[in-house]
Amino acid sequence: MVFSSPFFLFLFLPIVLTIYPLLRGVALRNLFLLVVSLIFYGWGEVGFLFLLLGSTIANWFLGLRVDREQDPAKRKRAVTLAIVLNIGLLVFFKYTGPAIAGINSLLGGPLASLHLPQIPVGDIRLPIGISFFTFHALSYVMDIYRRKSSAAQNPADTALYIFFFPQLVAGPILRWSAIAPQLLKRAVTRGGFAEGIRRFAGGLAKKVIIANAVALPADQIFKLPDSELTPVLAWFATLCYTVQIYFDFSGYSDMAVGLGKMFGFTFIENFDHPYVSQSVKEFWRRWHISLSSWFRDYLYIPLGGNRCSERRNMLNLVIVFFLCGLWHGASWTFVVWGLYHGAFLVLERTRFGSLVEKMPRIFRHGYALLAVLVGWVLFRATSFPQALAFLSNMIGVATPGAVTQPLSRYVTHESVFALVAGAIFATPVIAWLKSTLSRAANRLPQRACSALTATGMTLEAVITIGLLLISSAWLAGSTYNPFIYFRF
């Protein structure tokens, strides 16, 4: 079940929002949210539901052990066991199949002369949201170990933290220390609920109106054989994917933040207009903030962070981004994408970074955007040969003997509109507009200021309703509704 599905929008969510305010007491509301969250996940993954519930109970028990134990050695053994349990679950489902397939390809290729038997492997399906599930579970036990928060006395609270449906399958990655107080006390205000609706409507529009419109041509061109790829097609597909992945993922994050507000929760913001960055370092401060901050706090800083020698600091960055790439998938293209970004962060700590900082703003922005675009080719490509073919075409080296594919076959009015809208709304234009109007209103007489504020609130409500209606109409008229981060 996804947020942009008709079933969720017109049945599941209205029922949940209708029943939730009728319940009295935070404990009863928490229990209700846990039940509907389990239904949400079990709707498409009932086979894994009990496995992940078992993992959650194990984490709750180990969290209690870590919290109550005073002996440092025993506390460390308990948290180590929890880390091994969670990482082991992730490794088994996400990496076992690809690893065995790689070994078998060696046994049937370069090592065929040894006549070694192939390793049997069954169909290991990947549970939806397993990577986000794992990081939430790790945050739970590690925050308790660091004494940032106490363990939940009720296993239902741990389960709600991990399974809460707004963030279950695609984040943002929440910290137990931030959510635990909200499980005990929170309030749904009229203003907070209205803001939640606005955030949800904006996120839905990002996903349906912009991301979906460019997803189809991007997918079509990336499926072409290398012999049919041309420079124009390579650039068009890369630009489409650049817009798609941002508006798809940030739209989903906005919907999650909005849903959280409707139930009285405050989630971390996950994106801050990353495409306006002027360095790769700044890009990672703005892109998938909950993931980059998770790696910073739970891996980079424990490795020594920047409180060590320059060489060790650079190694720490490479390790973090190697694991960041591996977290996204069991493919060497993801690993290289992670190392690619890690290399830029290392470079930007050298004289190269100083040279970049001295460049005019427009060139700094161009440098960062080009670096990110090239990285998205590695991220999206299904193999290194395909990535190489795309990158070669992007620098003007066309595939020899390529069959010319007309660009008009993939360009539609919807995709052009989405690219233009994406270029505009990838910038903080809305925040700038609100700030400008607010400053202008403050200079007006009190009566005029009040009238302008009321007009702005009415207009915002009309836009919100309009976005919901337009998004619903687009969903009804389209059968193409992919979601990138279900792969992770």
Protein backbone atom coordinates (compact mmCIF):
# COMPACT_ATOMS: atom_id res chain seq x y z
CA MET A 1 0.00 0.00 0.00
CA VAL A 2 1.40 3.42 -0.94
CA PHE A 3 0.24 6.91 -0.03
CA SER A 4 -0.49 7.73 -3.67
CA SER A 5 -2.82 4.77 -4.18
CA PRO A 6 -6.61 5.29 -4.42
CA PHE A 7 -7.18 2.66 -1.72
CA PHE A 8 -5.05 4.58 0.77
CA LEU A 9 -6.38 8.02 -0.18
CA PHE A 10 -10.08 7.26 -0.36
CA LEU A 11 -10.58 4.42 2.12
CA PHE A 12 -7.74 3.66 4.54
CA LEU A 13 -6.78 7.23 5.49
CA PRO A 14 -10.33 8.64 5.81
CA ILE A 15 -11.33 5.75 8.10
CA VAL A 16 -8.23 6.20 10.28
CA LEU A 17 -8.67 9.98 10.51
CA THR A 18 -12.34 9.56 11.40
CA ILE A 19 -11.79 7.07 14.23
CA TYR A 20 -8.59 8.53 15.73
CA PRO A 21 -10.07 11.74 17.27
CA LEU A 22 -12.95 9.75 18.78
CA LEU A 23 -10.54 7.80 20.98
CA ARG A 24 -9.72 9.14 24.45
CA GLY A 25 -6.30 8.91 26.00
CA VAL A 26 -2.88 8.62 24.37
CA ALA A 27 -2.54 4.91 25.26
CA LEU A 28 -5.70 3.97 23.36
CA ARG A 29 -4.70 6.17 20.44
CA ASN A 30 -1.27 4.55 20.33
CA LEU A 31 -2.81 1.10 20.29
CA PHE A 32 -5.13 2.11 17.45
CA LEU A 33 -2.24 3.52 15.41
CA LEU A 34 -0.26 0.32 15.97
CA VAL A 35 -3.16 -1.84 14.75
CA VAL A 36 -3.73 0.22 11.60
CA SER A 37 0.03 0.35 10.96
CA LEU A 38 0.22 -3.45 11.10
CA ILE A 39 -2.74 -3.61 8.69
CA PHE A 40 -0.97 -1.10 6.43
CA TYR A 41 2.18 -3.23 6.26
CA GLY A 42 0.40 -6.58 6.23
CA TRP A 43 -1.78 -5.48 3.32
CA GLY A 44 1.07 -6.19 0.93
CA GLU A 45 3.58 -8.09 3.08
CA VAL A 46 1.61 -10.29 5.46
CA GLY A 47 4.18 -13.07 5.06
CA PHE A 48 6.89 -10.91 6.64
CA LEU A 49 4.70 -9.23 9.25
CA PHE A 50 5.20 -11.85 11.96
CA LEU A 51 8.94 -12.08 11.29
CA LEU A 52 9.38 -8.33 11.74
CA LEU A 53 7.12 -8.37 14.78
CA GLY A 54 9.37 -11.06 16.28
CA SER A 55 12.39 -8.88 15.57
CA THR A 56 10.64 -5.94 17.22
CA ILE A 57 9.93 -7.97 20.40
CA ALA A 58 13.57 -9.07 20.48
CA ASN A 59 14.71 -5.44 20.21
CA TRP A 60 12.29 -4.43 22.98
CA PHE A 61 13.64 -7.14 25.27
CA LEU A 62 17.27 -6.25 24.52
CA GLY A 63 16.46 -2.56 25.01
CA LEU A 64 15.15 -3.33 28.49
CA ARG A 65 18.29 -5.33 29.22
CA VAL A 66 20.54 -2.50 28.08
CA ASP A 67 18.53 0.07 30.04
CA ARG A 68 18.44 -1.83 33.34
CA GLU A 69 21.93 -3.32 33.28
CA GLN A 70 24.56 -1.37 35.20
CA ASP A 71 27.59 -3.49 34.31
CA PRO A 72 29.21 -1.77 31.27
CA ALA A 73 30.46 -5.08 29.86
CA LYS A 74 27.00 -6.68 30.00
CA ARG A 75 25.38 -3.58 28.52
CA LYS A 76 27.85 -3.69 25.64
CA ARG A 77 27.18 -7.39 25.04
CA ALA A 78 23.42 -6.75 24.95
CA VAL A 79 23.66 -3.86 22.50
CA THR A 80 26.14 -5.83 20.36
CA LEU A 81 23.67 -8.71 20.21
CA ALA A 82 20.93 -6.29 19.10
CA ILE A 83 23.18 -4.83 16.38
CA VAL A 84 24.11 -8.30 15.13
CA LEU A 85 20.43 -9.32 15.11
CA ASN A 86 19.30 -6.28 13.11
CA ILE A 87 22.21 -6.16 10.68
CA GLY A 88 21.99 -9.94 10.23
CA LEU A 89 18.32 -9.71 9.28
CA LEU A 90 19.09 -6.98 6.75
CA VAL A 91 22.07 -8.84 5.30
CA PHE A 92 20.15 -12.10 4.92
CA PHE A 93 17.22 -10.63 3.00
CA LYS A 94 19.00 -7.92 1.05
CA TYR A 95 22.42 -9.34 0.25
CA THR A 96 22.38 -13.16 0.49
CA GLY A 97 20.73 -13.73 -2.89
CA PRO A 98 22.96 -11.33 -4.86
CA ALA A 99 26.07 -12.64 -3.07
CA ILE A 100 25.28 -16.28 -3.91
CA ALA A 101 24.42 -15.30 -7.48
CA GLY A 102 27.82 -13.60 -7.78
CA ILE A 103 29.62 -16.66 -6.42
CA ASN A 104 27.71 -18.95 -8.80
CA SER A 105 28.63 -16.76 -11.76
CA LEU A 106 32.29 -17.19 -10.81
CA LEU A 107 31.86 -20.93 -10.40
CA GLY A 108 30.25 -21.16 -13.83
CA GLY A 109 32.73 -18.78 -15.45
CA PRO A 110 36.34 -18.12 -14.43
CA LEU A 111 36.35 -21.01 -11.93
CA ALA A 112 34.48 -23.50 -14.13
CA SER A 113 37.63 -25.61 -14.53
CA LEU A 114 37.47 -26.48 -10.83
CA HIS A 115 34.10 -28.25 -11.40
CA LEU A 116 32.72 -26.96 -8.13
CA PRO A 117 28.97 -27.35 -7.58
CA GLN A 118 26.70 -24.32 -7.76
CA ILE A 119 25.36 -23.05 -4.44
CA PRO A 120 21.59 -23.59 -4.27
CA VAL A 121 19.59 -20.49 -3.42
CA GLY A 122 15.85 -20.13 -3.05
CA ASP A 123 13.70 -17.17 -3.89
CA ILE A 124 14.64 -14.74 -1.12
CA ARG A 125 12.10 -11.94 -1.33
CA LEU A 126 12.98 -8.53 0.01
CA PRO A 127 10.57 -7.25 2.69
CA ILE A 128 9.28 -3.79 1.83
CA GLY A 129 11.02 -1.11 3.88
CA ILE A 130 13.53 -3.51 5.45
CA SER A 131 16.34 -0.93 5.35
CA PHE A 132 14.26 1.71 7.13
CA PHE A 133 12.96 -0.91 9.58
CA THR A 134 16.54 -1.91 10.43
CA PHE A 135 17.75 1.65 11.02
CA HIS A 136 14.79 2.39 13.28
CA ALA A 137 15.48 -0.75 15.31
CA LEU A 138 19.18 0.14 15.57
CA SER A 139 18.32 3.67 16.65
CA TYR A 140 16.09 2.23 19.37
CA VAL A 141 18.75 0.13 21.09
CA MET A 142 21.61 2.57 20.47
CA ASP A 143 19.73 5.58 21.89
CA ILE A 144 19.00 3.50 25.00
CA TYR A 145 22.64 2.41 25.21
CA ARG A 146 23.80 6.03 24.99
CA ARG A 147 21.31 7.00 27.73
CA LYS A 148 19.56 9.43 25.38
CA SER A 149 16.23 7.83 26.21
CA SER A 150 14.83 5.09 28.40
CA ALA A 151 13.55 1.80 27.03
CA ALA A 152 9.83 1.40 26.41
CA GLN A 153 8.13 -0.47 29.22
CA ASN A 154 5.35 -1.53 26.89
CA PRO A 155 6.39 -3.52 23.79
CA ALA A 156 3.49 -1.89 21.91
CA ASP A 157 5.33 1.46 22.14
CA THR A 158 8.44 -0.04 20.55
CA ALA A 159 6.30 -1.65 17.85
CA LEU A 160 4.49 1.63 17.09
CA TYR A 161 7.79 3.49 16.82
CA ILE A 162 9.08 0.97 14.28
CA PHE A 163 5.83 0.18 12.42
CA PHE A 164 4.12 3.61 12.43
CA PHE A 165 2.72 3.65 8.91
CA PRO A 166 3.64 7.23 7.80
CA GLN A 167 7.37 6.44 8.03
CA LEU A 168 7.35 2.64 7.75
CA VAL A 169 8.35 2.01 4.15
CA ALA A 170 10.34 5.11 3.14
CA GLY A 171 11.19 7.17 6.19
CA PRO A 172 12.14 9.70 7.27
CA ILE A 173 14.36 7.75 9.65
CA LEU A 174 13.23 8.75 13.14
CA ARG A 175 15.21 8.59 16.37
CA TRP A 176 13.75 6.77 19.36
CA SER A 177 14.94 9.64 21.57
CA ALA A 178 12.82 12.06 19.52
CA ILE A 179 9.68 9.91 19.25
CA ALA A 180 9.56 8.37 22.75
CA PRO A 181 8.32 11.58 24.45
CA GLN A 182 5.65 12.00 21.76
CA LEU A 183 4.33 8.51 22.42
CA LEU A 184 3.64 9.57 25.99
CA LYS A 185 2.24 13.04 25.37
CA ARG A 186 1.11 14.88 22.26
CA ALA A 187 -1.84 16.90 21.06
CA VAL A 188 -3.60 17.35 17.74
CA THR A 189 -4.27 21.05 17.26
CA ARG A 190 -6.39 22.67 14.58
CA GLY A 191 -3.36 24.50 13.22
CA GLY A 192 -1.19 21.38 13.28
CA PHE A 193 -3.84 19.31 11.53
CA ALA A 194 -4.31 21.99 8.86
CA GLU A 195 -0.54 22.16 8.33
CA GLY A 196 -0.51 18.36 8.04
CA ILE A 197 -3.11 18.50 5.27
CA ARG A 198 -1.12 21.18 3.44
CA ARG A 199 2.10 19.14 3.67
CA PHE A 200 0.34 15.98 2.55
CA ALA A 201 -1.34 17.71 -0.41
CA GLY A 202 1.95 19.28 -1.48
CA GLY A 203 3.78 15.97 -1.22
CA LEU A 204 1.08 14.15 -3.16
CA ALA A 205 1.28 16.75 -5.92
CA LYS A 206 5.07 16.39 -6.05
CA LYS A 207 4.71 12.64 -6.45
CA VAL A 208 1.76 12.43 -8.83
CA ILE A 209 1.97 15.59 -10.95
CA ILE A 210 5.76 15.96 -11.27
CA ALA A 211 7.57 12.71 -10.41
CA ASN A 212 5.18 10.36 -12.22
CA ALA A 213 5.18 12.53 -15.36
CA VAL A 214 8.94 12.23 -15.84
CA ALA A 215 9.20 8.64 -14.56
CA LEU A 216 7.80 7.10 -17.74
CA PRO A 217 10.26 8.65 -20.25
CA ALA A 218 13.15 8.05 -17.85
CA ASP A 219 12.24 4.37 -17.48
CA GLN A 220 11.63 3.95 -21.22
CA ILE A 221 15.01 5.40 -22.20
CA PHE A 222 16.94 3.54 -19.49
CA LYS A 223 15.44 0.33 -20.86
CA LEU A 224 16.79 0.99 -24.36
CA PRO A 225 19.71 -1.12 -25.56
CA ASP A 226 22.99 0.78 -25.77
CA SER A 227 22.83 0.57 -29.57
CA GLU A 228 19.76 2.86 -29.57
CA LEU A 229 21.10 5.46 -27.14
CA THR A 230 22.04 8.95 -28.35
CA PRO A 231 23.46 12.01 -26.52
CA VAL A 232 20.12 13.82 -26.58
CA LEU A 233 18.26 10.82 -25.18
CA ALA A 234 20.90 10.24 -22.50
CA TRP A 235 20.68 13.82 -21.27
CA PHE A 236 16.88 13.87 -21.40
CA ALA A 237 16.58 10.62 -19.43
CA THR A 238 19.12 11.79 -16.85
CA LEU A 239 17.31 15.10 -16.35
CA CYS A 240 13.99 13.28 -16.05
CA TYR A 241 15.40 10.89 -13.47
CA THR A 242 17.02 13.76 -11.55
CA VAL A 243 13.61 15.40 -11.22
CA GLN A 244 11.84 12.10 -10.60
CA ILE A 245 13.96 10.85 -7.71
CA TYR A 246 13.82 14.16 -5.86
CA PHE A 247 10.11 14.82 -6.23
CA ASP A 248 9.23 11.16 -5.73
CA PHE A 249 11.18 10.81 -2.50
CA SER A 250 10.74 14.32 -1.10
CA GLY A 251 7.05 14.13 -1.98
CA TYR A 252 6.72 10.90 -0.02
CA SER A 253 8.64 12.47 2.89
CA ASP A 254 6.36 15.51 2.84
CA MET A 255 3.33 13.23 2.97
CA ALA A 256 4.88 11.35 5.91
CA VAL A 257 5.57 14.60 7.79
CA GLY A 258 2.03 15.78 7.05
CA LEU A 259 0.49 12.52 8.25
CA GLY A 260 2.56 12.72 11.42
CA LYS A 261 1.19 16.21 12.12
CA MET A 262 -2.38 14.95 11.65
CA PHE A 263 -1.77 12.55 14.55
CA GLY A 264 0.13 15.04 16.70
CA PHE A 265 3.68 13.87 15.88
CA THR A 266 6.61 16.00 14.76
CA PHE A 267 8.99 14.30 12.33
CA ILE A 268 12.41 15.42 11.17
CA GLU A 269 12.46 17.26 7.84
CA ASN A 270 14.10 15.05 5.23
CA PHE A 271 14.92 17.48 2.40
CA ASP A 272 15.99 21.10 2.17
CA HIS A 273 16.11 21.96 -1.56
CA PRO A 274 19.26 19.92 -2.27
CA TYR A 275 19.52 20.97 -5.92
CA VAL A 276 20.43 24.55 -4.94
CA SER A 277 23.62 23.27 -3.27
CA GLN A 278 26.99 24.74 -4.19
CA SER A 279 29.07 21.71 -3.20
CA VAL A 280 28.60 17.99 -2.76
CA LYS A 281 29.10 18.46 0.98
CA GLU A 282 26.19 20.92 1.04
CA PHE A 283 24.12 18.53 -1.08
CA TRP A 284 24.42 15.88 1.62
CA ARG A 285 23.36 18.37 4.29
CA ARG A 286 20.17 18.92 2.28
CA TRP A 287 19.47 15.49 0.74
CA HIS A 288 17.84 12.65 2.74
CA ILE A 289 18.74 14.47 5.93
CA SER A 290 17.52 11.72 8.24
CA LEU A 291 19.80 9.16 6.55
CA SER A 292 22.91 11.35 6.34
CA SER A 293 22.49 12.46 9.98
CA TRP A 294 21.94 8.82 11.02
CA PHE A 295 25.25 7.79 9.41
CA ARG A 296 26.93 10.84 10.96
CA ASP A 297 25.75 10.17 14.52
CA TYR A 298 25.84 6.37 14.61
CA LEU A 299 28.84 5.63 12.38
CA TYR A 300 30.96 8.63 11.34
CA ILE A 301 31.37 10.13 14.83
CA PRO A 302 32.01 6.75 16.55
CA LEU A 303 34.70 6.08 13.91
CA GLY A 304 36.40 9.29 15.02
CA GLY A 305 34.65 11.81 12.78
CA ASN A 306 36.92 14.76 12.19
CA ARG A 307 38.53 14.48 15.63
CA CYS A 308 41.42 12.50 14.22
CA SER A 309 44.20 12.76 11.66
CA GLU A 310 43.36 14.07 8.21
CA ARG A 311 44.00 10.69 6.60
CA ARG A 312 41.81 8.88 9.13
CA ASN A 313 39.08 11.46 8.64
CA MET A 314 39.14 10.85 4.89
CA LEU A 315 39.02 7.09 5.47
CA ASN A 316 36.02 7.59 7.75
CA LEU A 317 34.20 9.46 4.98
CA VAL A 318 34.95 6.71 2.47
CA ILE A 319 33.72 4.00 4.88
CA VAL A 320 30.50 5.91 5.59
CA PHE A 321 29.67 6.45 1.94
CA PHE A 322 30.64 2.93 0.97
CA LEU A 323 28.06 1.69 3.48
CA CYS A 324 25.61 4.37 2.37
CA GLY A 325 25.80 3.03 -1.17
CA LEU A 326 25.53 -0.57 0.04
CA TRP A 327 22.50 0.36 2.18
CA HIS A 328 20.66 1.36 -0.99
CA GLY A 329 21.06 -2.03 -2.62
CA ALA A 330 23.15 -5.13 -3.22
CA SER A 331 24.61 -3.89 -6.47
CA TRP A 332 28.08 -2.66 -7.34
CA THR A 333 26.53 0.35 -9.06
CA PHE A 334 25.15 1.50 -5.69
CA VAL A 335 28.49 0.90 -4.01
CA VAL A 336 30.35 2.90 -6.65
CA TRP A 337 27.73 5.66 -6.38
CA GLY A 338 28.42 5.84 -2.65
CA LEU A 339 32.19 5.83 -3.14
CA TYR A 340 31.80 8.46 -5.88
CA HIS A 341 30.12 10.85 -3.44
CA GLY A 342 32.61 9.94 -0.73
CA ALA A 343 35.45 10.82 -3.10
CA PHE A 344 33.96 14.27 -3.70
CA LEU A 345 33.63 14.88 0.04
CA VAL A 346 37.27 13.90 0.47
CA LEU A 347 38.30 16.18 -2.41
CA GLU A 348 36.34 19.09 -0.97
CA ARG A 349 38.44 18.85 2.21
CA THR A 350 41.59 19.46 0.17
CA ARG A 351 42.80 22.46 -1.83
CA PHE A 352 40.21 21.49 -4.44
CA GLY A 353 37.49 22.52 -1.99
CA SER A 354 39.18 25.87 -1.41
CA LEU A 355 39.29 26.47 -5.17
CA VAL A 356 35.59 25.62 -5.47
CA GLU A 357 34.73 28.09 -2.69
CA LYS A 358 36.50 30.88 -4.61
CA MET A 359 34.49 30.27 -7.77
CA PRO A 360 31.52 32.53 -8.59
CA ARG A 361 28.24 31.29 -7.14
CA ILE A 362 26.79 30.21 -10.48
CA PHE A 363 29.84 28.05 -11.21
CA ARG A 364 29.77 26.47 -7.74
CA HIS A 365 26.15 25.60 -8.30
CA GLY A 366 26.90 24.21 -11.76
CA TYR A 367 29.73 22.09 -10.41
CA ALA A 368 27.59 20.58 -7.63
CA LEU A 369 24.62 19.93 -9.93
CA LEU A 370 26.79 18.27 -12.58
CA ALA A 371 28.44 16.06 -9.96
CA VAL A 372 25.01 14.99 -8.68
CA LEU A 373 23.69 14.35 -12.22
CA VAL A 374 26.59 12.03 -13.02
CA GLY A 375 26.01 10.26 -9.73
CA TRP A 376 22.36 9.68 -10.59
CA VAL A 377 23.40 7.87 -13.75
CA LEU A 378 25.38 5.41 -11.64
CA PHE A 379 22.47 5.14 -9.21
CA ARG A 380 19.84 4.49 -11.88
CA ALA A 381 21.82 2.29 -14.25
CA THR A 382 21.29 -1.45 -13.93
CA SER A 383 24.92 -2.23 -14.84
CA PHE A 384 28.28 -0.56 -15.34
CA PRO A 385 28.16 -0.98 -19.15
CA GLN A 386 24.84 0.87 -19.22
CA ALA A 387 26.20 3.62 -16.97
CA LEU A 388 29.27 3.93 -19.19
CA ALA A 389 27.10 4.13 -22.30
CA PHE A 390 25.02 6.92 -20.77
CA LEU A 391 28.02 8.89 -19.54
CA SER A 392 29.79 8.50 -22.88
CA ASN A 393 26.76 9.81 -24.72
CA MET A 394 26.42 12.69 -22.26
CA ILE A 395 29.91 13.93 -23.16
CA GLY A 396 29.10 13.62 -26.86
CA VAL A 397 30.63 10.22 -27.59
CA ALA A 398 27.70 8.47 -29.26
CA THR A 399 27.42 4.71 -29.28
CA PRO A 400 28.99 3.41 -32.52
CA GLY A 401 26.32 2.40 -35.03
CA ALA A 402 23.52 3.69 -32.81
CA VAL A 403 20.02 3.49 -34.24
CA THR A 404 18.66 7.00 -34.09
CA GLN A 405 15.66 7.24 -31.80
CA PRO A 406 13.65 10.47 -32.17
CA LEU A 407 13.39 12.44 -28.94
CA SER A 408 9.78 13.24 -29.80
CA ARG A 409 8.90 9.61 -29.09
CA TYR A 410 9.54 10.21 -25.38
CA VAL A 411 8.74 13.89 -24.90
CA THR A 412 5.17 14.65 -23.86
CA HIS A 413 3.40 17.80 -22.74
CA GLU A 414 3.23 16.31 -19.25
CA SER A 415 6.95 15.58 -19.08
CA VAL A 416 7.89 19.07 -20.31
CA PHE A 417 5.54 20.64 -17.76
CA ALA A 418 7.00 18.43 -15.02
CA LEU A 419 10.59 19.36 -15.92
CA VAL A 420 9.78 23.08 -15.87
CA ALA A 421 7.78 22.77 -12.63
CA GLY A 422 10.57 20.66 -11.17
CA ALA A 423 13.19 23.29 -11.99
CA ILE A 424 11.07 25.95 -10.29
CA PHE A 425 9.92 24.08 -7.20
CA ALA A 426 13.31 22.46 -6.55
CA THR A 427 14.25 25.96 -5.35
CA PRO A 428 12.88 27.60 -2.18
CA VAL A 429 10.62 29.81 -4.29
CA ILE A 430 7.54 29.20 -2.13
CA ALA A 431 9.37 30.05 1.11
CA TRP A 432 10.83 33.15 -0.55
CA LEU A 433 7.40 34.24 -1.79
CA LYS A 434 5.81 33.78 1.64
CA SER A 435 8.63 35.68 3.31
CA THR A 436 8.40 38.54 0.82
CA LEU A 437 4.63 38.85 1.20
CA SER A 438 4.92 38.67 4.98
CA ARG A 439 7.45 41.52 5.06
CA ALA A 440 5.27 43.56 2.72
CA ALA A 441 2.19 42.91 4.87
CA ASN A 442 3.98 44.03 8.03
CA ARG A 443 4.51 47.45 6.48
CA LEU A 444 0.80 47.92 5.84
CA PRO A 445 -1.77 49.38 8.26
CA GLN A 446 -3.21 46.88 10.76
CA ARG A 447 -6.57 46.54 8.98
CA ALA A 448 -4.97 46.02 5.57
CA CYS A 449 -2.47 43.56 7.08
CA SER A 450 -5.30 41.51 8.64
CA ALA A 451 -7.22 41.49 5.36
CA LEU A 452 -4.13 40.41 3.42
CA THR A 453 -3.41 37.63 5.94
CA ALA A 454 -6.98 36.34 5.69
CA THR A 455 -6.78 36.44 1.90
CA GLY A 456 -3.51 34.51 2.00
CA MET A 457 -4.96 31.84 4.27
CA THR A 458 -8.00 31.47 2.00
CA LEU A 459 -5.81 31.24 -1.08
CA GLU A 460 -3.60 28.62 0.61
CA ALA A 461 -6.68 26.56 1.46
CA VAL A 462 -7.95 26.81 -2.13
CA ILE A 463 -4.54 25.74 -3.49
CA THR A 464 -4.42 22.79 -1.06
CA ILE A 465 -7.87 21.58 -2.11
CA GLY A 466 -6.97 22.14 -5.76
CA LEU A 467 -3.79 20.08 -5.45
CA LEU A 468 -5.71 17.23 -3.82
CA LEU A 469 -8.35 17.27 -6.55
CA ILE A 470 -5.85 17.51 -9.42
CA SER A 471 -3.64 14.78 -7.95
CA SER A 472 -6.68 12.53 -7.49
CA ALA A 473 -7.74 13.14 -11.07
CA TRP A 474 -4.24 12.32 -12.34
CA LEU A 475 -4.22 9.12 -10.30
CA ALA A 476 -7.60 8.13 -11.71
CA GLY A 477 -6.46 8.75 -15.27
CA SER A 478 -3.04 7.10 -15.06
CA THR A 479 -1.90 3.54 -14.45
CA TYR A 480 1.79 4.45 -14.11
CA ASN A 481 2.54 5.14 -10.44
CA PRO A 482 6.03 3.84 -9.55
CA PHE A 483 7.78 4.48 -6.25
CA ILE A 484 11.57 4.40 -6.33
CA TYR A 485 12.36 3.81 -2.66
CA PHE A 486 10.34 0.60 -2.41
CA ARG A 487 13.51 -0.95 -3.84
CA PHE A 488 15.35 -0.12 -0.63
